[in-house]
Amino acid sequence: VQLQASGGGLVQAGGSLRLSCAASGRTFSSYDMGWFRQAPGKEREFVTRITKSGGSKDYADAVKGRFTISRDNSKNTVYLQMNSLKPEDTAVYYCAADTVGRLSYYYRDGRRYDNWGQGTQVTVSS
């Protein structure tokens, strides 16, 4: 599976961005997808996850109510709509695919995911 993330950029606090992650190489509707982020000097952290059908979603507390994950299986794409952005949201955002199902890892653990996109920078100015 190849993942290509896009949509990052510079935005003022309170603004919005929508990230996209296009997948190729395997039936998109057969695996769950997640978004993670990594800020400078910090460890990578879970942002959100959506199941293969889109029927279940989960969010980190830091983004709940502001971010929305969705997917369009007909377009092999997962989206992250980010509203009410804060300076602390500044990070490189990565999409990830869980195509193997390493059930020994919780889905909020990056080790659960076996394919990663290249990352897209999101910078929120105050």
C-alpha atoms as a PDB file:
ATOM      1  CA  VAL A   1       0.000   0.000   0.000  1.00  0.00           C
ATOM      2  CA  GLN A   2       1.270   3.446  -0.912  1.00  0.00           C
ATOM      3  CA  LEU A   3      -0.048   6.498   0.893  1.00  0.00           C
ATOM      4  CA  GLN A   4       0.233  10.092  -0.263  1.00  0.00           C
ATOM      5  CA  ALA A   5      -0.749  12.808   2.189  1.00  0.00           C
ATOM      6  CA  SER A   6      -1.491  16.362   1.161  1.00  0.00           C
ATOM      7  CA  GLY A   7      -3.282  19.504   2.255  1.00  0.00           C
ATOM      8  CA  GLY A   8      -0.986  20.864   4.925  1.00  0.00           C
ATOM      9  CA  GLY A   9      -0.008  24.483   5.140  1.00  0.00           C
ATOM     10  CA  LEU A  10       0.179  27.614   7.242  1.00  0.00           C
ATOM     11  CA  VAL A  11      -3.006  28.858   8.874  1.00  0.00           C
ATOM     12  CA  GLN A  12      -3.880  31.312  11.613  1.00  0.00           C
ATOM     13  CA  ALA A  13      -5.251  30.140  14.930  1.00  0.00           C
ATOM     14  CA  GLY A  14      -8.964  29.508  14.625  1.00  0.00           C
ATOM     15  CA  GLY A  15      -8.674  28.582  10.985  1.00  0.00           C
ATOM     16  CA  SER A  16      -9.301  25.327   9.169  1.00  0.00           C
ATOM     17  CA  LEU A  17      -7.468  22.896   6.956  1.00  0.00           C
ATOM     18  CA  ARG A  18      -8.422  19.643   5.306  1.00  0.00           C
ATOM     19  CA  LEU A  19      -5.825  16.952   4.884  1.00  0.00           C
ATOM     20  CA  SER A  20      -6.163  14.177   2.355  1.00  0.00           C
ATOM     21  CA  CYS A  21      -4.441  10.830   2.112  1.00  0.00           C
ATOM     22  CA  ALA A  22      -4.710   8.923  -1.137  1.00  0.00           C
ATOM     23  CA  ALA A  23      -4.027   5.207  -1.056  1.00  0.00           C
ATOM     24  CA  SER A  24      -3.083   2.770  -3.764  1.00  0.00           C
ATOM     25  CA  GLY A  25      -1.979  -0.823  -4.056  1.00  0.00           C
ATOM     26  CA  ARG A  26      -4.670  -2.730  -2.208  1.00  0.00           C
ATOM     27  CA  THR A  27      -8.431  -2.621  -1.833  1.00  0.00           C
ATOM     28  CA  PHE A  28      -8.887   0.513   0.233  1.00  0.00           C
ATOM     29  CA  SER A  29     -12.098  -0.643   1.864  1.00  0.00           C
ATOM     30  CA  SER A  30     -10.348  -3.633   3.431  1.00  0.00           C
ATOM     31  CA  TYR A  31      -8.322  -1.806   6.068  1.00  0.00           C
ATOM     32  CA  ASP A  32      -8.573   0.756   8.820  1.00  0.00           C
ATOM     33  CA  MET A  33      -6.839   4.117   8.574  1.00  0.00           C
ATOM     34  CA  GLY A  34      -5.363   6.463  11.117  1.00  0.00           C
ATOM     35  CA  TRP A  35      -3.815   9.907  11.419  1.00  0.00           C
ATOM     36  CA  PHE A  36      -0.885  10.643  13.689  1.00  0.00           C
ATOM     37  CA  ARG A  37       1.168  13.754  14.226  1.00  0.00           C
ATOM     38  CA  GLN A  38       4.597  14.670  15.447  1.00  0.00           C
ATOM     39  CA  ALA A  39       5.564  18.085  16.714  1.00  0.00           C
ATOM     40  CA  PRO A  40       9.200  19.214  16.899  1.00  0.00           C
ATOM     41  CA  GLY A  41      10.947  17.630  19.868  1.00  0.00           C
ATOM     42  CA  LYS A  42       7.963  15.477  20.725  1.00  0.00           C
ATOM     43  CA  GLU A  43       7.001  11.892  20.149  1.00  0.00           C
ATOM     44  CA  ARG A  44       4.519  10.885  17.512  1.00  0.00           C
ATOM     45  CA  GLU A  45       0.990  10.869  18.850  1.00  0.00           C
ATOM     46  CA  PHE A  46      -2.328   9.424  17.821  1.00  0.00           C
ATOM     47  CA  VAL A  47      -4.861  11.855  16.371  1.00  0.00           C
ATOM     48  CA  THR A  48      -7.724   9.806  15.004  1.00  0.00           C
ATOM     49  CA  ARG A  49      -8.729   6.540  13.396  1.00  0.00           C
ATOM     50  CA  ILE A  50     -11.510   5.271  11.171  1.00  0.00           C
ATOM     51  CA  THR A  51     -12.508   1.686  10.515  1.00  0.00           C
ATOM     52  CA  LYS A  52     -12.572   0.183   7.036  1.00  0.00           C
ATOM     53  CA  SER A  53     -16.275   0.825   6.524  1.00  0.00           C
ATOM     54  CA  GLY A  54     -16.169   4.250   8.136  1.00  0.00           C
ATOM     55  CA  GLY A  55     -18.613   3.071  10.739  1.00  0.00           C
ATOM     56  CA  SER A  56     -16.413   3.692  13.750  1.00  0.00           C
ATOM     57  CA  LYS A  57     -14.182   6.656  14.536  1.00  0.00           C
ATOM     58  CA  ASP A  58     -12.067   7.586  17.484  1.00  0.00           C
ATOM     59  CA  TYR A  59     -10.269  10.791  18.432  1.00  0.00           C
ATOM     60  CA  ALA A  60      -7.594  11.906  20.801  1.00  0.00           C
ATOM     61  CA  ASP A  61      -8.964  14.136  23.533  1.00  0.00           C
ATOM     62  CA  ALA A  62      -6.841  17.033  22.265  1.00  0.00           C
ATOM     63  CA  VAL A  63      -8.716  17.153  18.954  1.00  0.00           C
ATOM     64  CA  LYS A  64     -12.150  15.850  19.846  1.00  0.00           C
ATOM     65  CA  GLY A  65     -14.861  18.209  18.718  1.00  0.00           C
ATOM     66  CA  ARG A  66     -12.526  20.077  16.367  1.00  0.00           C
ATOM     67  CA  PHE A  67     -11.234  17.413  13.982  1.00  0.00           C
ATOM     68  CA  THR A  68     -13.276  15.032  11.848  1.00  0.00           C
ATOM     69  CA  ILE A  69     -11.997  11.980  10.033  1.00  0.00           C
ATOM     70  CA  SER A  70     -13.827  10.586   7.040  1.00  0.00           C
ATOM     71  CA  ARG A  71     -13.155   8.332   4.104  1.00  0.00           C
ATOM     72  CA  ASP A  72     -14.393   7.865   0.589  1.00  0.00           C
ATOM     73  CA  ASN A  73     -13.761   4.273  -0.380  1.00  0.00           C
ATOM     74  CA  SER A  74     -14.734   4.980  -3.977  1.00  0.00           C
ATOM     75  CA  LYS A  75     -11.853   7.461  -4.170  1.00  0.00           C
ATOM     76  CA  ASN A  76      -9.393   5.495  -2.026  1.00  0.00           C
ATOM     77  CA  THR A  77      -8.972   8.548   0.148  1.00  0.00           C
ATOM     78  CA  VAL A  78      -9.185   9.392   3.820  1.00  0.00           C
ATOM     79  CA  TYR A  79      -9.672  12.964   4.997  1.00  0.00           C
ATOM     80  CA  LEU A  80      -8.954  14.919   8.132  1.00  0.00           C
ATOM     81  CA  GLN A  81     -10.999  18.072   8.512  1.00  0.00           C
ATOM     82  CA  MET A  82      -9.362  20.293  11.102  1.00  0.00           C
ATOM     83  CA  ASN A  83     -11.317  23.235  12.486  1.00  0.00           C
ATOM     84  CA  SER A  84     -10.610  25.741  15.245  1.00  0.00           C
ATOM     85  CA  LEU A  85      -6.924  25.102  14.865  1.00  0.00           C
ATOM     86  CA  LYS A  86      -4.587  26.014  17.687  1.00  0.00           C
ATOM     87  CA  PRO A  87      -0.842  26.686  17.703  1.00  0.00           C
ATOM     88  CA  GLU A  88      -0.380  23.425  19.599  1.00  0.00           C
ATOM     89  CA  ASP A  89      -1.757  21.575  16.562  1.00  0.00           C
ATOM     90  CA  THR A  90       1.423  22.483  14.706  1.00  0.00           C
ATOM     91  CA  ALA A  91       3.076  19.246  13.612  1.00  0.00           C
ATOM     92  CA  VAL A  92       3.810  16.960  10.726  1.00  0.00           C
ATOM     93  CA  TYR A  93       0.703  14.893  10.124  1.00  0.00           C
ATOM     94  CA  TYR A  94       0.979  11.314   8.912  1.00  0.00           C
ATOM     95  CA  CYS A  95      -1.679   9.009   7.590  1.00  0.00           C
ATOM     96  CA  ALA A  96      -1.269   5.328   8.274  1.00  0.00           C
ATOM     97  CA  ALA A  97      -2.886   2.114   7.111  1.00  0.00           C
ATOM     98  CA  ASP A  98      -3.555  -0.971   9.191  1.00  0.00           C
ATOM     99  CA  THR A  99      -3.510  -3.643   6.508  1.00  0.00           C
ATOM    100  CA  VAL A 100      -2.171  -6.500   8.605  1.00  0.00           C
ATOM    101  CA  GLY A 101      -4.147  -6.198  11.815  1.00  0.00           C
ATOM    102  CA  ARG A 102      -1.480  -6.468  14.505  1.00  0.00           C
ATOM    103  CA  LEU A 103      -3.993  -7.006  17.236  1.00  0.00           C
ATOM    104  CA  SER A 104      -1.304  -7.099  19.921  1.00  0.00           C
ATOM    105  CA  TYR A 105      -1.143  -3.329  19.533  1.00  0.00           C
ATOM    106  CA  TYR A 106      -3.960  -0.994  20.405  1.00  0.00           C
ATOM    107  CA  TYR A 107      -5.100   1.057  17.426  1.00  0.00           C
ATOM    108  CA  ARG A 108      -3.835   4.222  19.095  1.00  0.00           C
ATOM    109  CA  ASP A 109      -0.350   2.741  19.005  1.00  0.00           C
ATOM    110  CA  GLY A 110       1.546   3.533  15.836  1.00  0.00           C
ATOM    111  CA  ARG A 111       3.027   0.041  15.790  1.00  0.00           C
ATOM    112  CA  ARG A 112      -0.409  -1.230  14.813  1.00  0.00           C
ATOM    113  CA  TYR A 113       0.032   0.355  11.389  1.00  0.00           C
ATOM    114  CA  ASP A 114       2.225  -1.150   8.702  1.00  0.00           C
ATOM    115  CA  ASN A 115       2.069   1.537   6.017  1.00  0.00           C
ATOM    116  CA  TRP A 116       2.734   5.244   6.420  1.00  0.00           C
ATOM    117  CA  GLY A 117       2.464   8.299   4.237  1.00  0.00           C
ATOM    118  CA  GLN A 118       5.275  10.791   3.882  1.00  0.00           C
ATOM    119  CA  GLY A 119       3.725  13.391   6.166  1.00  0.00           C
ATOM    120  CA  THR A 120       2.377  16.860   5.551  1.00  0.00           C
ATOM    121  CA  GLN A 121       3.328  19.921   7.596  1.00  0.00           C
ATOM    122  CA  VAL A 122       0.634  21.856   9.419  1.00  0.00           C
ATOM    123  CA  THR A 123       1.661  25.144  10.997  1.00  0.00           C
ATOM    124  CA  VAL A 124      -0.767  27.205  13.050  1.00  0.00           C
ATOM    125  CA  SER A 125       0.280  30.733  13.873  1.00  0.00           C
ATOM    126  CA  SER A 126      -0.986  32.604  16.925  1.00  0.00           C
END
